[in-house]
Structure formats: C-alpha cells, structure tokens
Protein backbone atom coordinates (compact mmCIF):
# COMPACT_ATOMS: atom_id res chain seq x y z
CA MET A 1 36.96 -84.49 -18.73
CA THR A 2 36.45 -86.27 -15.51
CA THR A 3 39.27 -87.98 -14.29
CA LEU A 4 38.88 -91.31 -12.50
CA PRO A 5 40.59 -91.61 -9.05
CA LYS A 6 43.53 -94.11 -9.22
CA PRO A 7 42.93 -97.39 -7.45
CA ARG A 8 44.58 -97.65 -3.92
CA GLN A 9 48.07 -99.13 -4.26
CA PRO A 10 50.41 -100.53 -1.76
CA GLU A 11 52.56 -97.80 -0.12
CA LEU A 12 56.05 -99.00 0.97
CA LYS A 13 57.86 -96.29 2.94
CA THR A 14 60.82 -98.25 3.97
CA SER A 15 62.75 -101.60 3.03
CA LEU A 16 61.19 -104.64 4.27
CA PRO A 17 61.75 -105.00 7.20
CA GLY A 18 61.78 -101.76 8.38
CA PRO A 19 63.68 -100.66 11.41
CA LYS A 20 60.53 -101.07 14.10
CA THR A 21 59.71 -104.22 12.37
CA ALA A 22 63.25 -105.64 12.56
CA ALA A 23 63.61 -104.47 16.24
CA ILE A 24 60.27 -106.32 17.24
CA MET A 25 61.07 -109.39 15.11
CA ALA A 26 64.64 -109.65 16.90
CA ARG A 27 62.50 -109.46 20.42
CA ASP A 28 60.24 -112.05 19.17
CA ALA A 29 62.77 -114.51 18.06
CA GLN A 30 64.24 -114.17 21.95
CA HIS A 31 61.06 -114.83 23.72
CA LEU A 32 58.29 -116.48 21.87
CA SER A 33 57.91 -120.32 20.88
CA THR A 34 60.69 -121.63 18.54
CA SER A 35 57.62 -123.57 16.78
CA TYR A 36 56.56 -120.25 15.05
CA MET A 37 57.62 -120.01 11.54
CA ARG A 38 57.65 -116.39 10.47
CA PRO A 39 57.87 -116.88 6.71
CA TYR A 40 57.66 -113.03 5.97
CA PRO A 41 59.15 -109.95 7.92
CA PHE A 42 56.15 -108.21 8.48
CA VAL A 43 54.54 -106.97 11.85
CA PRO A 44 50.98 -105.32 11.53
CA ASP A 45 50.22 -102.31 13.38
CA HIS A 46 46.67 -101.65 12.05
CA GLY A 47 44.20 -102.56 9.19
CA GLU A 48 41.28 -101.12 7.11
CA GLY A 49 39.24 -103.59 4.81
CA ALA A 50 41.55 -105.38 2.78
CA TRP A 51 44.70 -103.57 3.74
CA LEU A 52 47.29 -103.91 6.47
CA THR A 53 49.89 -101.52 7.94
CA ASP A 54 52.78 -102.38 9.73
CA VAL A 55 54.62 -100.83 12.21
CA ASP A 56 56.75 -98.73 9.95
CA GLY A 57 53.90 -97.43 8.09
CA ASN A 58 54.19 -99.87 5.04
CA THR A 59 50.55 -100.74 3.59
CA MET A 60 50.03 -104.06 2.11
CA LEU A 61 47.00 -105.36 0.33
CA ASP A 62 46.07 -108.62 2.03
CA PHE A 63 45.66 -111.81 -0.17
CA PHE A 64 45.37 -114.18 2.71
CA ALA A 65 43.18 -112.81 5.37
CA GLY A 66 45.16 -114.37 8.20
CA ILE A 67 44.84 -117.76 6.54
CA ALA A 68 41.24 -117.24 5.53
CA VAL A 69 40.10 -116.06 8.88
CA SER A 70 39.39 -112.44 8.41
CA THR A 71 36.20 -112.67 6.46
CA THR A 72 34.99 -109.03 6.56
CA GLY A 73 38.53 -107.67 6.38
CA HIS A 74 40.19 -105.82 9.32
CA ALA A 75 38.17 -103.45 11.68
CA HIS A 76 35.17 -103.79 9.86
CA PRO A 77 32.87 -101.20 11.66
CA HIS A 78 29.89 -103.50 11.79
CA VAL A 79 32.00 -106.13 13.49
CA VAL A 80 33.73 -103.68 15.68
CA LYS A 81 30.33 -102.41 16.77
CA ALA A 82 29.04 -105.69 17.85
CA VAL A 83 32.18 -106.94 19.98
CA GLN A 84 32.00 -103.36 21.76
CA GLU A 85 28.48 -103.77 22.58
CA GLN A 86 28.80 -107.31 23.88
CA ILE A 87 31.81 -106.40 25.84
CA THR A 88 30.18 -103.91 27.79
CA ARG A 89 27.45 -106.50 28.82
CA PHE A 90 29.65 -109.33 29.73
CA ALA A 91 32.69 -110.98 28.19
CA HIS A 92 32.31 -114.52 29.75
CA VAL A 93 29.90 -116.99 31.18
CA CYS A 94 30.92 -120.67 30.89
CA LEU A 95 28.60 -121.93 28.11
CA THR A 96 29.22 -125.21 29.23
CA ASP A 97 27.29 -124.42 32.37
CA TYR A 98 24.93 -121.38 31.58
CA PRO A 99 22.97 -121.00 28.30
CA GLN A 100 23.30 -117.64 26.44
CA GLU A 101 20.83 -116.12 24.02
CA ILE A 102 23.81 -114.85 21.69
CA THR A 103 25.13 -118.40 21.40
CA THR A 104 21.69 -119.89 21.23
CA SER A 105 20.73 -117.74 18.29
CA LEU A 106 24.24 -118.13 16.67
CA ALA A 107 23.65 -121.95 16.64
CA GLU A 108 19.99 -121.34 15.05
CA ARG A 109 21.64 -119.10 12.10
CA MET A 110 24.19 -121.71 11.54
CA VAL A 111 22.20 -124.68 11.22
CA LYS A 112 19.71 -123.07 8.99
CA HIS A 113 22.14 -123.45 6.25
CA VAL A 114 22.54 -127.27 6.46
CA GLU A 115 19.15 -128.47 8.00
CA LYS A 116 16.59 -129.84 5.33
CA PRO A 117 12.93 -130.93 6.32
CA GLY A 118 12.86 -133.42 8.99
CA GLU A 119 16.32 -133.21 9.71
CA LYS A 120 17.60 -131.15 12.69
CA TRP A 121 20.99 -130.28 13.40
CA ARG A 122 22.78 -129.25 16.73
CA VAL A 123 26.05 -127.22 17.42
CA PHE A 124 28.72 -127.72 19.82
CA PHE A 125 31.13 -124.41 20.12
CA GLY A 126 34.69 -124.50 20.65
CA ASN A 127 37.75 -122.02 20.12
CA SER A 128 39.72 -123.36 17.24
CA GLY A 129 39.36 -125.46 14.20
CA ALA A 130 41.55 -128.15 16.03
CA GLU A 131 39.02 -128.36 18.84
CA ALA A 132 36.06 -128.65 16.55
CA VAL A 133 37.85 -131.76 14.87
CA GLU A 134 38.82 -133.12 18.35
CA ALA A 135 34.90 -132.94 19.20
CA ALA A 136 33.84 -134.52 15.95
CA VAL A 137 36.17 -137.29 16.37
CA LYS A 138 35.00 -137.73 19.92
CA LEU A 139 31.41 -137.81 18.84
CA ALA A 140 31.76 -140.20 15.98
CA ARG A 141 33.67 -142.84 18.08
CA ASN A 142 30.78 -142.49 21.06
CA HIS A 143 27.90 -142.41 18.69
CA THR A 144 28.84 -145.51 16.50
CA GLY A 145 30.63 -147.41 19.18
CA ARG A 146 33.49 -148.02 16.65
CA SER A 147 37.24 -146.59 16.81
CA HIS A 148 38.80 -146.29 13.21
CA ILE A 149 38.82 -143.03 11.49
CA ILE A 150 39.74 -142.58 7.85
CA SER A 151 41.36 -139.46 6.63
CA THR A 152 43.12 -138.16 3.58
CA LEU A 153 46.64 -137.41 2.36
CA GLY A 154 47.38 -133.72 2.05
CA SER A 155 44.69 -132.82 4.58
CA PHE A 156 45.19 -130.37 7.51
CA HIS A 157 42.87 -130.79 10.61
CA GLY A 158 44.81 -129.13 13.16
CA ARG A 159 47.77 -129.69 15.62
CA THR A 160 46.35 -131.28 18.77
CA TYR A 161 46.95 -134.77 19.15
CA GLY A 162 43.86 -136.08 17.66
CA ALA A 163 43.84 -133.78 14.79
CA ILE A 164 47.52 -133.97 14.04
CA THR A 165 47.04 -137.70 13.74
CA LEU A 166 44.34 -137.13 11.30
CA THR A 167 46.53 -134.57 9.28
CA GLY A 168 48.39 -135.94 6.38
CA SER A 169 50.14 -132.90 4.65
CA LYS A 170 53.44 -132.78 6.22
CA THR A 171 55.62 -135.05 8.42
CA LYS A 172 57.05 -132.04 10.24
CA TYR A 173 53.53 -131.92 12.18
CA LYS A 174 54.18 -135.28 13.45
CA ARG A 175 57.85 -135.77 13.96
CA GLY A 176 58.79 -136.35 17.53
CA PHE A 177 55.33 -136.32 18.85
CA GLY A 178 54.34 -140.00 18.92
CA PRO A 179 52.70 -141.99 19.90
CA LEU A 180 49.71 -140.43 18.21
CA LEU A 181 45.79 -141.26 18.05
CA PRO A 182 45.18 -145.09 17.37
CA ASN A 183 43.24 -146.47 14.51
CA VAL A 184 43.64 -143.89 11.87
CA SER A 185 44.22 -144.53 8.30
CA HIS A 186 44.94 -142.29 5.23
CA VAL A 187 44.00 -142.64 1.52
CA PRO A 188 44.83 -140.27 -1.26
CA TYR A 189 42.82 -137.10 -1.92
CA PRO A 190 41.30 -136.95 -5.49
CA ASN A 191 43.29 -134.26 -7.06
CA PRO A 192 42.42 -133.99 -10.75
CA PHE A 193 45.86 -131.97 -11.58
CA ARG A 194 47.95 -134.92 -10.01
CA PRO A 195 45.58 -137.80 -10.13
CA PRO A 196 46.63 -140.50 -7.61
CA LEU A 197 46.85 -144.19 -7.99
CA GLY A 198 47.69 -143.87 -11.68
CA SER A 199 44.10 -142.53 -12.50
CA THR A 200 42.92 -139.63 -14.80
CA PRO A 201 41.78 -136.37 -13.81
CA GLN A 202 38.17 -137.52 -14.71
CA PHE A 203 38.40 -140.74 -12.76
CA CYS A 204 40.62 -139.81 -9.72
CA GLY A 205 37.76 -139.86 -7.33
CA ASP A 206 36.55 -143.31 -8.54
CA ALA A 207 40.17 -144.56 -8.18
CA VAL A 208 40.36 -143.26 -4.60
CA LEU A 209 36.80 -145.08 -3.66
CA ALA A 210 38.18 -148.23 -5.27
CA HIS A 211 41.19 -147.96 -3.08
CA VAL A 212 39.05 -147.66 0.05
CA LYS A 213 36.84 -150.42 -0.97
CA ASN A 214 39.89 -152.61 -1.52
CA LEU A 215 41.16 -151.64 2.13
CA PHE A 216 37.55 -152.95 3.46
CA GLN A 217 38.17 -156.10 1.62
CA THR A 218 41.88 -156.75 2.83
CA VAL A 219 43.28 -155.01 5.75
CA LEU A 220 40.32 -152.44 7.29
CA PRO A 221 37.05 -154.02 8.55
CA PRO A 222 34.24 -151.48 7.34
CA ASP A 223 32.32 -151.99 10.61
CA GLU A 224 35.01 -151.04 12.57
CA VAL A 225 35.08 -147.67 10.96
CA ALA A 226 33.53 -144.48 12.72
CA ALA A 227 33.84 -141.79 10.46
CA PHE A 228 35.62 -140.50 7.04
CA ILE A 229 36.71 -136.87 7.57
CA ILE A 230 37.67 -134.88 4.68
CA GLU A 231 37.99 -131.41 3.06
CA PRO A 232 35.42 -131.03 0.41
CA MET A 233 37.91 -128.73 -0.96
CA GLN A 234 41.45 -129.28 0.52
CA GLY A 235 43.25 -126.37 2.24
CA GLU A 236 46.62 -126.95 3.27
CA GLY A 237 47.30 -129.60 0.78
CA GLY A 238 47.11 -127.06 -2.09
CA TYR A 239 43.65 -125.64 -2.61
CA ILE A 240 42.42 -128.61 -4.38
CA VAL A 241 38.81 -129.10 -5.84
CA PRO A 242 37.77 -132.82 -6.16
CA PRO A 243 36.12 -134.14 -9.39
CA ARG A 244 32.37 -133.72 -9.74
CA GLY A 245 30.44 -136.67 -8.23
CA PHE A 246 33.12 -137.65 -5.84
CA LEU A 247 31.59 -136.62 -2.79
CA LYS A 248 28.14 -138.06 -3.60
CA LYS A 249 29.98 -141.39 -4.20
CA LEU A 250 31.81 -141.12 -1.11
CA ARG A 251 28.42 -140.55 0.97
CA GLY A 252 26.99 -143.79 -0.66
CA LEU A 253 30.17 -145.75 0.31
CA CYS A 254 29.94 -144.53 3.91
CA ASP A 255 26.04 -145.27 3.90
CA GLN A 256 26.73 -148.75 2.91
CA HIS A 257 28.82 -149.37 5.87
CA GLY A 258 26.96 -147.29 8.36
CA ILE A 259 30.12 -144.90 8.40
CA LEU A 260 29.64 -141.20 9.49
CA LEU A 261 30.78 -138.47 6.99
CA ILE A 262 32.69 -135.40 8.40
CA PHE A 263 33.18 -132.48 6.40
CA ASP A 264 36.11 -130.41 7.70
CA GLU A 265 35.08 -126.75 6.46
CA VAL A 266 37.47 -124.97 8.60
CA GLN A 267 39.19 -123.28 5.87
CA ALA A 268 36.78 -123.25 2.92
CA GLY A 269 33.74 -122.57 4.78
CA MET A 270 31.88 -119.56 6.00
CA GLY A 271 31.18 -118.12 2.59
CA ARG A 272 34.82 -118.38 1.04
CA THR A 273 33.82 -120.19 -2.00
CA GLY A 274 30.51 -118.41 -2.70
CA LYS A 275 28.30 -120.69 -0.59
CA MET A 276 28.16 -120.72 3.28
CA TYR A 277 30.12 -124.13 3.21
CA SER A 278 32.10 -125.38 0.25
CA PHE A 279 30.42 -128.78 -0.12
CA GLN A 280 27.20 -126.68 -1.28
CA GLN A 281 29.15 -126.00 -4.31
CA PHE A 282 28.54 -129.72 -5.39
CA GLU A 283 24.72 -129.67 -4.89
CA GLU A 284 24.17 -128.94 -8.72
CA TYR A 285 25.90 -132.17 -9.39
CA GLY A 286 23.64 -134.19 -7.21
CA GLY A 287 24.04 -133.02 -3.82
CA VAL A 288 25.42 -134.50 -0.60
CA GLN A 289 24.90 -134.05 3.08
CA PRO A 290 27.35 -135.22 5.71
CA ASP A 291 26.60 -136.02 9.27
CA ILE A 292 29.02 -133.63 10.98
CA ILE A 293 30.61 -130.59 9.73
CA THR A 294 33.55 -128.67 11.57
CA VAL A 295 33.96 -124.99 10.97
CA ALA A 296 36.16 -122.21 12.50
CA LYS A 297 38.60 -119.60 10.96
CA GLY A 298 36.06 -117.24 9.06
CA ILE A 299 33.35 -117.70 11.48
CA ALA A 300 33.95 -114.45 13.51
CA SER A 301 36.23 -112.39 11.48
CA GLY A 302 39.44 -113.00 13.55
CA LEU A 303 37.87 -113.72 17.02
CA PRO A 304 38.58 -117.16 18.15
CA ILE A 305 35.52 -119.42 17.90
CA SER A 306 34.68 -122.74 16.14
CA ALA A 307 31.67 -124.91 15.62
CA MET A 308 31.17 -128.75 15.28
CA LEU A 309 27.75 -129.13 13.83
CA ALA A 310 26.18 -132.47 13.70
CA LYS A 311 22.90 -134.05 12.93
CA GLU A 312 20.44 -134.62 16.18
CA SER A 313 20.43 -138.22 15.31
CA VAL A 314 24.16 -138.31 15.74
CA MET A 315 24.52 -135.87 18.67
CA THR A 316 23.75 -138.53 21.20
CA TRP A 317 26.72 -138.28 23.64
CA PRO A 318 25.48 -137.91 27.14
CA VAL A 319 25.65 -134.61 29.60
CA GLY A 320 28.99 -133.69 30.76
CA SER A 321 30.80 -136.02 28.19
CA HIS A 322 32.30 -133.04 26.46
CA GLY A 323 32.56 -129.27 27.10
CA SER A 324 34.68 -126.07 26.86
CA THR A 325 35.39 -123.38 29.43
CA PHE A 326 35.94 -120.77 26.56
CA GLY A 327 34.09 -122.30 23.58
CA GLY A 328 31.29 -120.10 22.39
CA ASN A 329 32.51 -116.79 24.27
CA PRO A 330 29.83 -114.28 24.01
CA VAL A 331 32.17 -111.53 22.48
CA ALA A 332 33.30 -113.89 19.70
CA ALA A 333 29.66 -115.27 19.16
CA ALA A 334 28.67 -111.19 18.67
CA ALA A 335 31.46 -110.96 15.90
CA ALA A 336 30.05 -114.26 14.52
CA HIS A 337 26.72 -112.66 14.43
CA ALA A 338 28.04 -109.56 12.67
CA THR A 339 29.86 -111.66 10.23
CA LEU A 340 26.90 -113.56 9.39
CA ASP A 341 24.93 -110.50 8.66
CA LEU A 342 27.51 -109.38 6.07
CA LEU A 343 27.60 -112.88 4.64
CA GLU A 344 24.08 -113.27 4.53
CA GLY A 345 23.12 -109.89 3.28
CA VAL A 346 21.31 -108.52 6.22
CA VAL A 347 23.92 -105.99 6.26
CA LYS A 348 25.35 -104.83 3.00
CA HIS A 349 28.93 -103.91 2.41
CA PRO A 350 29.55 -101.10 0.01
CA GLY A 351 30.41 -102.32 -3.66
CA CYS A 352 29.99 -106.14 -2.62
CA GLY A 353 26.55 -106.66 -4.07
CA ASP A 354 23.74 -108.09 -2.00
CA SER A 355 26.04 -110.35 0.31
CA LEU A 356 29.67 -111.01 0.84
CA MET A 357 29.03 -114.63 -0.43
CA GLU A 358 27.74 -113.26 -3.56
CA ASN A 359 30.93 -110.98 -3.77
CA ALA A 360 33.28 -113.93 -3.10
CA ALA A 361 31.78 -115.79 -6.11
CA SER A 362 31.89 -112.58 -8.65
CA VAL A 363 35.55 -111.40 -7.75
CA GLY A 364 36.61 -115.04 -7.44
CA GLU A 365 35.51 -115.64 -10.90
CA PHE A 366 37.27 -112.55 -12.18
CA ILE A 367 40.61 -113.65 -10.26
CA LEU A 368 40.50 -117.25 -11.73
CA THR A 369 39.73 -116.01 -15.17
CA GLU A 370 42.72 -113.44 -15.27
CA LEU A 371 45.18 -116.07 -13.70
CA LYS A 372 43.97 -118.72 -16.14
CA GLY A 373 45.20 -116.12 -18.81
CA MET A 374 48.41 -115.57 -17.19
CA GLN A 375 49.29 -119.29 -17.79
CA ALA A 376 50.06 -118.63 -21.34
CA GLU A 377 52.82 -116.01 -20.52
CA PHE A 378 54.11 -118.07 -17.60
CA PRO A 379 54.66 -121.66 -18.30
CA PHE A 380 55.74 -122.29 -14.95
CA ILE A 381 52.20 -121.76 -13.61
CA GLY A 382 50.92 -125.31 -13.97
CA ASP A 383 47.54 -125.10 -12.65
CA VAL A 384 44.96 -122.49 -11.59
CA ARG A 385 42.19 -124.03 -9.59
CA GLY A 386 39.61 -123.06 -6.87
CA GLN A 387 36.11 -121.37 -6.52
CA GLY A 388 35.05 -117.85 -5.15
CA LEU A 389 38.02 -116.65 -3.12
CA PHE A 390 39.44 -120.02 -2.49
CA ILE A 391 42.07 -120.19 -5.12
CA GLY A 392 45.40 -122.10 -5.77
CA LEU A 393 48.06 -121.25 -7.96
CA GLU A 394 50.68 -124.08 -8.36
CA PHE A 395 54.11 -123.80 -9.78
CA VAL A 396 55.83 -126.49 -11.76
CA LYS A 397 59.28 -127.22 -13.34
CA PRO A 398 59.57 -127.96 -17.17
CA ASP A 399 58.77 -131.75 -16.42
CA GLY A 400 55.46 -130.81 -14.75
CA SER A 401 56.68 -131.74 -11.41
CA PRO A 402 56.16 -129.46 -8.19
CA ASP A 403 58.71 -126.49 -7.97
CA GLY A 404 58.49 -125.39 -4.46
CA LYS A 405 61.60 -123.17 -4.86
CA LEU A 406 60.13 -121.12 -7.64
CA ARG A 407 56.87 -120.87 -5.66
CA ASP A 408 59.03 -119.48 -2.38
CA ALA A 409 60.62 -116.93 -4.74
CA ALA A 410 57.55 -115.77 -6.47
CA SER A 411 55.74 -115.44 -2.98
CA MET A 412 58.71 -113.52 -1.47
CA ALA A 413 58.76 -111.09 -5.06
CA MET A 414 54.85 -110.52 -4.23
CA PHE A 415 55.57 -109.73 -0.65
CA GLU A 416 58.20 -107.28 -1.80
CA ARG A 417 55.82 -105.49 -3.87
CA GLY A 418 53.29 -105.08 -1.21
CA LEU A 419 51.15 -108.11 -1.47
CA LEU A 420 50.72 -110.32 1.67
CA ASN A 421 50.21 -113.88 0.48
CA LEU A 422 50.84 -117.59 1.87
CA ASP A 423 51.78 -120.96 0.36
CA CYS A 424 50.34 -124.31 0.71
CA GLY A 425 51.03 -127.67 -0.60
CA GLU A 426 54.22 -128.66 -2.27
CA ALA A 427 54.40 -125.78 -4.51
CA VAL A 428 51.13 -123.65 -4.28
CA ILE A 429 50.36 -119.95 -3.48
CA ARG A 430 46.95 -119.73 -1.99
CA ILE A 431 44.78 -116.63 -2.75
CA SER A 432 42.28 -116.29 0.21
CA PRO A 433 41.72 -112.48 0.51
CA PRO A 434 38.98 -111.07 2.81
CA LEU A 435 35.57 -111.41 1.30
CA ILE A 436 35.14 -107.61 0.92
CA LEU A 437 37.89 -107.61 -1.67
CA THR A 438 36.48 -105.45 -4.58
CA ARG A 439 37.25 -106.39 -8.16
CA GLU A 440 39.59 -103.16 -8.30
CA GLU A 441 41.47 -104.33 -5.50
CA ALA A 442 41.69 -107.68 -7.08
CA ALA A 443 42.91 -106.08 -10.20
CA THR A 444 45.73 -104.25 -8.17
CA GLY A 445 46.94 -107.54 -6.66
CA LEU A 446 46.83 -109.33 -9.80
CA ASP A 447 48.86 -106.74 -11.38
CA ILE A 448 51.40 -107.22 -8.44
CA MET A 449 51.53 -110.74 -9.00
CA ARG A 450 52.12 -110.42 -12.95
CA ASP A 451 54.87 -108.02 -12.10
CA ALA A 452 56.52 -110.42 -9.69
CA LEU A 453 56.04 -113.43 -11.91
CA ARG A 454 57.79 -111.53 -14.94
CA ALA A 455 60.60 -110.84 -12.61
CA LEU A 456 61.07 -114.33 -12.44
CA LYS A 457 61.47 -115.20 -15.99
C-alpha cells in the first residue's frame, strides 16, 4: 500500500519570539521609527513559496503575503532569475528622462488587460500605492480643471498627504498631521454585511448613491468634483465586496456630471481575486470601466513599483508636470514582467493550473466554502466574504456588533500555531496569501485556524 506524504506543516522550534527574534526586536525598538506597529514577534530570515522562516528557525505558513504583495510567494525562481539578469545590465536610469524597453513593454502588458476597441490607455510608473494615488489625484484635477475629490469611509489610499486625506479607515492616520488636502469629501462604502444609511444588504449601494445625489443637491456642486475614488473591493476597511450593480450605477452618476472614476486596485488587483483587476469581477453584471486605475503591492512580487493607468483621453497633463526619480525602476520592472508571466500563464507554476489567476480563483473558492462551513461551529464568525484569495473573516459579539478584542485574540492564537495573518477593519482577519498557495497548503492553514478558534470557545 502506498503511503501518501503528509502535507507540509509549520515547524516551531522555539517559543515565540525565539531568542534571536527577541534580540533583533529589542534593537529595532531602539533605532527605528516609533510609527512602526510590530503586531507580531516575527523576524523573517528566508522564505520559499508560501512559507517563511524566522531567524530562530521557526517556519510559518504565510496567509498575508506582506499585505497582498508577495504574489508569487517568496524567492520564486522565475522572479529571482529575472531580477538577477536585469541587475547585471543596469539598475537605474531615470525613467522620467530616458525611455527603457523593459518599462515600455511592461506598460504594454498592463494596459492590454483594460483597453477596449477604440480606447487607448497610458501608464505612469511610481514606487508605491500612495504615489499612484497622488498621481491619480493630480491628473484628475489637471484634466478636469476641478478641485473636489470624493472618497469613501473605510477606505485606505496611503499615508502621504493627499492619500491620507482620501483615506477613511482610521483617525490615527490623520491625527496631528493637519491641515490636509482641501476639497475632499467622504461617503459611506456599500457594505452588505453592515448596510449604511439605514439600508438593506440588497439596496445599500442604492442608498449610498442616493446620499451622493443629495450632497450634489445641497452642499457639493457636482460640476466642481474632479473625481470619485473607490476601491472596487475594499481592503483595509474589512475586505468588503459591494453589491451587484453598484459600480455600474456609480459609473453612470459620474458620467452624468463629468466626474472621473478612479478605481484603487492597490490591494485587490494583480490577480488576487481571480481576475487581473478586481473590478473585472463585476463584468458579468453589466461591466464598468473606470477612467483611472491605481495599482501597486502585487505587481512585482515584493519589489517596489506602482502604476497609475489612465485613458489616453484623460492623461492630458503637459510634459514635465509630473515625474519620479525611481518610479519604474528597471529591476522592479523585471520582477513585474516575471510576475505577469505567472499571472497570465506564460510561465506555469507547478500545481497551480494554467495561471496564478486561475489558481487564486480555485483555491479561494475552496477556502471560502470551508470558512462558511465553520460559521455553524463558531457563532462569533459573523461574516465570511471575498473573491479569490481576497477573503475577510469578521468577528462579532452576541449582539452582532464588531468584536475587535476577540479578533485580536484569534489572530494571535493563529500566529502562535504557525500561521502568519493580519487584521483589517474593526474586527476582521484578512486572508491574502501568495497566489501560489495550493489547496493542500490552504487546508493546512484552515486546520490551524479551526484549532485556534476552538481554543477561544
């Protein structure tokens, strides 16, 4: 009889934190910025695939991928090879001044996923999601000649001044940093689990749109609004998927008043939901096309690069009006090409189907199904939601209100059992592993989660 190999498990050789980790964290606390949070006592040493090993030799299963950044996992050989080859050629020639084939071809690959017949797009490369958002706001104001921007509550768009003004998730990001960007308004995000404005799950999107229309009639002239920026699937606010039809109706409202629609795909984009960009999940419900898209995080499997994509008809700012010294760095661009190879299926990753997007959709469906099944055993799991490997698990009190303390206890219990994870929203654990995660590894992570949750009962 053939004995099947046991699926790989976390390996904890020391208590957490181990002695080397504790020593480095003590030094870190003495010399690095006091703004860093450090929620878990973990100091990585090396990684392979969906696994990370700390300096004490403790190996953990990675269910958060550096906040949805490590698309192809850790040290993927195809990405490593691309980086090594490029860095032996040249590591930097400022893209603002000198065109480079590697970034030109990268832009061509990125826009092909959004361009439609008769609709050409262009790309501006930066270093981070916040930079992409800043570029989007500057472009929107420059193109329209208007100044006002509408964002949503619960959103996260970055920590630079413009981006932090747009962010609507936590007051700690703003406290003590004012004055911020002028002419910015926030409206509720349509959360079907916690419908805003006294609405219902089915009609929460309509309620938000009615609220915006009321603002246009009372306090905010729509002809002064340059853009509406929104995450098609909200990240930091709790991994929230809006109701069907909302984005299409929002597109119609923007068109009615000449307002640009910006989709922030920094966290949910680059294949994480099973499509290249998360808004493409809504195509089966009528489809919607934004004017500007911001992407970062997962583009280059850990190397810093971002992109602001815009319709050519919108990217009308003049030469020299915006630029970046390091944006579109050729080494990061090489990593982005390699990442796209795996996302698109040009290069196959063993055990992940025809592409990493296909794998994200398949494994994500498995995780969602299993987690929904857990709700019967754990009544404090109020909601399980998401798409692909963009999944949120919300913890609630008996009265249905968010239970952040229980979420924190669950998150730490999972970490102590060898599962790297991260919270978001008021009481949500996000599941955003590398897109190379196999079903077997997903099952291992789910077993750890189940064991941790049982310890909380």
